[in-house]
């Protein structure tokens, strides 16, 4: 279980506990208001964390796709470079062969 999931689970448990508090306890009204305020703050924090998590997940997906595209581009460029080097090697061999032929004719 990830850290985020643990925090979310703990937050949900705390909210459930706060919701289950009964007014039958002999607590002063200001304490009940404080508890309600904390409960609302925790709920708001949870919503914000979930929004941030969704945003991070979207960004992660975007970056992952961008990396795949870059890897494909690098692979294509590498293949082109290999082909270019092969062509140069073939031309070099051909040139060497032609030079040898010219030398034979000059003798």
C-alpha atoms as a PDB file:
ATOM      1  CA  UNK A   1       0.000   0.000   0.000  1.00  0.00           C
ATOM      2  CA  UNK A   2       1.465   3.344  -0.996  1.00  0.00           C
ATOM      3  CA  UNK A   3       2.001   6.214   1.373  1.00  0.00           C
ATOM      4  CA  UNK A   4      -0.781   8.152  -0.330  1.00  0.00           C
ATOM      5  CA  UNK A   5      -3.212   5.267   0.079  1.00  0.00           C
ATOM      6  CA  UNK A   6      -2.317   4.891   3.766  1.00  0.00           C
ATOM      7  CA  UNK A   7      -2.870   8.586   4.358  1.00  0.00           C
ATOM      8  CA  UNK A   8      -6.160   8.460   2.503  1.00  0.00           C
ATOM      9  CA  UNK A   9      -7.293   5.449   4.514  1.00  0.00           C
ATOM     10  CA  UNK A  10      -6.329   7.142   7.795  1.00  0.00           C
ATOM     11  CA  UNK A  11      -8.110  10.304   6.730  1.00  0.00           C
ATOM     12  CA  UNK A  12     -11.249   8.370   5.835  1.00  0.00           C
ATOM     13  CA  UNK A  13     -11.173   6.570   9.184  1.00  0.00           C
ATOM     14  CA  UNK A  14     -10.785   9.849  11.015  1.00  0.00           C
ATOM     15  CA  UNK A  15     -13.674  11.396   9.106  1.00  0.00           C
ATOM     16  CA  UNK A  16     -15.808   8.348   9.892  1.00  0.00           C
ATOM     17  CA  UNK A  17     -14.949   8.654  13.574  1.00  0.00           C
ATOM     18  CA  UNK A  18     -15.785  12.342  13.556  1.00  0.00           C
ATOM     19  CA  UNK A  19     -19.090  11.617  11.830  1.00  0.00           C
ATOM     20  CA  UNK A  20     -19.975   8.965  14.367  1.00  0.00           C
ATOM     21  CA  UNK A  21     -19.518  11.232  17.372  1.00  0.00           C
ATOM     22  CA  UNK A  22     -22.767  11.508  19.209  1.00  0.00           C
ATOM     23  CA  UNK A  23     -24.182  14.646  20.692  1.00  0.00           C
ATOM     24  CA  UNK A  24     -25.013  12.611  23.762  1.00  0.00           C
ATOM     25  CA  UNK A  25     -21.522  13.177  25.091  1.00  0.00           C
ATOM     26  CA  UNK A  26     -21.337  15.932  27.586  1.00  0.00           C
ATOM     27  CA  UNK A  27     -19.042  18.064  25.507  1.00  0.00           C
ATOM     28  CA  UNK A  28     -19.295  21.792  25.384  1.00  0.00           C
ATOM     29  CA  UNK A  29     -20.726  23.255  22.212  1.00  0.00           C
ATOM     30  CA  UNK A  30     -17.472  24.972  21.290  1.00  0.00           C
ATOM     31  CA  UNK A  31     -15.690  21.593  21.280  1.00  0.00           C
ATOM     32  CA  UNK A  32     -18.325  20.166  18.963  1.00  0.00           C
ATOM     33  CA  UNK A  33     -17.888  23.131  16.651  1.00  0.00           C
ATOM     34  CA  UNK A  34     -14.134  22.663  16.772  1.00  0.00           C
ATOM     35  CA  UNK A  35     -14.533  19.002  15.853  1.00  0.00           C
ATOM     36  CA  UNK A  36     -16.901  19.868  12.996  1.00  0.00           C
ATOM     37  CA  UNK A  37     -14.477  22.504  11.748  1.00  0.00           C
ATOM     38  CA  UNK A  38     -11.592  20.021  11.855  1.00  0.00           C
ATOM     39  CA  UNK A  39     -13.733  17.456  10.073  1.00  0.00           C
ATOM     40  CA  UNK A  40     -14.552  19.938   7.316  1.00  0.00           C
ATOM     41  CA  UNK A  41     -10.915  20.974   7.020  1.00  0.00           C
ATOM     42  CA  UNK A  42      -9.841  17.339   6.730  1.00  0.00           C
ATOM     43  CA  UNK A  43     -12.489  16.683   4.097  1.00  0.00           C
ATOM     44  CA  UNK A  44     -11.324  19.739   2.148  1.00  0.00           C
ATOM     45  CA  UNK A  45      -7.704  18.624   2.424  1.00  0.00           C
ATOM     46  CA  UNK A  46      -8.679  15.206   1.142  1.00  0.00           C
ATOM     47  CA  UNK A  47     -10.404  16.751  -1.889  1.00  0.00           C
ATOM     48  CA  UNK A  48      -7.353  18.922  -2.604  1.00  0.00           C
ATOM     49  CA  UNK A  49      -4.990  15.964  -2.280  1.00  0.00           C
ATOM     50  CA  UNK A  50      -7.152  13.917  -4.634  1.00  0.00           C
ATOM     51  CA  UNK A  51      -7.143  16.771  -7.178  1.00  0.00           C
ATOM     52  CA  UNK A  52      -3.357  17.077  -6.940  1.00  0.00           C
ATOM     53  CA  UNK A  53      -3.005  13.324  -7.305  1.00  0.00           C
ATOM     54  CA  UNK A  54      -5.162  13.325 -10.438  1.00  0.00           C
ATOM     55  CA  UNK A  55      -3.124  16.190 -11.860  1.00  0.00           C
ATOM     56  CA  UNK A  56       0.120  14.351 -11.118  1.00  0.00           C
ATOM     57  CA  UNK A  57      -1.241  11.201 -12.721  1.00  0.00           C
ATOM     58  CA  UNK A  58      -2.168  13.140 -15.886  1.00  0.00           C
ATOM     59  CA  UNK A  59       1.273  14.754 -15.957  1.00  0.00           C
ATOM     60  CA  UNK A  60       2.914  11.372 -15.423  1.00  0.00           C
ATOM     61  CA  UNK A  61       0.959   9.902 -18.339  1.00  0.00           C
ATOM     62  CA  UNK A  62       1.874  12.865 -20.573  1.00  0.00           C
ATOM     63  CA  UNK A  63       5.569  12.622 -19.686  1.00  0.00           C
ATOM     64  CA  UNK A  64       5.570   8.866 -20.181  1.00  0.00           C
ATOM     65  CA  UNK A  65       4.116   9.286 -23.681  1.00  0.00           C
ATOM     66  CA  UNK A  66       6.612  12.033 -24.447  1.00  0.00           C
ATOM     67  CA  UNK A  67       9.485   9.775 -23.379  1.00  0.00           C
ATOM     68  CA  UNK A  68       8.199   7.016 -25.662  1.00  0.00           C
ATOM     69  CA  UNK A  69       8.070   9.451 -28.591  1.00  0.00           C
ATOM     70  CA  UNK A  70      11.589  10.680 -27.856  1.00  0.00           C
ATOM     71  CA  UNK A  71      12.882   7.112 -27.608  1.00  0.00           C
ATOM     72  CA  UNK A  72      11.301   6.314 -30.979  1.00  0.00           C
ATOM     73  CA  UNK A  73      12.834   9.436 -32.493  1.00  0.00           C
ATOM     74  CA  UNK A  74      16.274   8.540 -31.109  1.00  0.00           C
ATOM     75  CA  UNK A  75      15.924   5.008 -32.466  1.00  0.00           C
ATOM     76  CA  UNK A  76      15.016   6.327 -35.936  1.00  0.00           C
ATOM     77  CA  UNK A  77      17.934   8.759 -35.914  1.00  0.00           C
ATOM     78  CA  UNK A  78      20.259   5.983 -34.821  1.00  0.00           C
ATOM     79  CA  UNK A  79      19.030   3.795 -37.666  1.00  0.00           C
ATOM     80  CA  UNK A  80      19.583   6.646 -40.119  1.00  0.00           C
ATOM     81  CA  UNK A  81      23.069   7.200 -38.749  1.00  0.00           C
ATOM     82  CA  UNK A  82      23.856   3.495 -39.107  1.00  0.00           C
ATOM     83  CA  UNK A  83      22.578   3.538 -42.684  1.00  0.00           C
ATOM     84  CA  UNK A  84      24.613   6.654 -43.432  1.00  0.00           C
ATOM     85  CA  UNK A  85      27.757   5.066 -41.978  1.00  0.00           C
ATOM     86  CA  UNK A  86      27.126   1.932 -44.012  1.00  0.00           C
ATOM     87  CA  UNK A  87      26.727   4.005 -47.182  1.00  0.00           C
ATOM     88  CA  UNK A  88      29.956   5.847 -46.428  1.00  0.00           C
ATOM     89  CA  UNK A  89      31.753   2.555 -45.888  1.00  0.00           C
ATOM     90  CA  UNK A  90      30.435   1.205 -49.179  1.00  0.00           C
ATOM     91  CA  UNK A  91      31.516   4.363 -50.996  1.00  0.00           C
ATOM     92  CA  UNK A  92      34.908   4.164 -49.387  1.00  0.00           C
ATOM     93  CA  UNK A  93      35.359   0.566 -50.534  1.00  0.00           C
ATOM     94  CA  UNK A  94      34.148   1.454 -53.990  1.00  0.00           C
ATOM     95  CA  UNK A  95      36.563   4.379 -54.159  1.00  0.00           C
ATOM     96  CA  UNK A  96      39.413   2.172 -53.026  1.00  0.00           C
ATOM     97  CA  UNK A  97      38.510  -0.370 -55.657  1.00  0.00           C
ATOM     98  CA  UNK A  98      38.431   2.330 -58.331  1.00  0.00           C
ATOM     99  CA  UNK A  99      41.813   3.668 -57.228  1.00  0.00           C
ATOM    100  CA  UNK A 100      43.223   0.139 -57.501  1.00  0.00           C
ATOM    101  CA  UNK A 101      41.788  -0.217 -60.999  1.00  0.00           C
ATOM    102  CA  UNK A 102      43.276   3.111 -62.043  1.00  0.00           C
ATOM    103  CA  UNK A 103      46.657   2.072 -60.692  1.00  0.00           C
ATOM    104  CA  UNK A 104      46.466  -1.166 -62.688  1.00  0.00           C
ATOM    105  CA  UNK A 105      45.741   0.764 -65.891  1.00  0.00           C
ATOM    106  CA  UNK A 106      48.601   3.135 -65.285  1.00  0.00           C
ATOM    107  CA  UNK A 107      51.155   0.342 -65.082  1.00  0.00           C
END
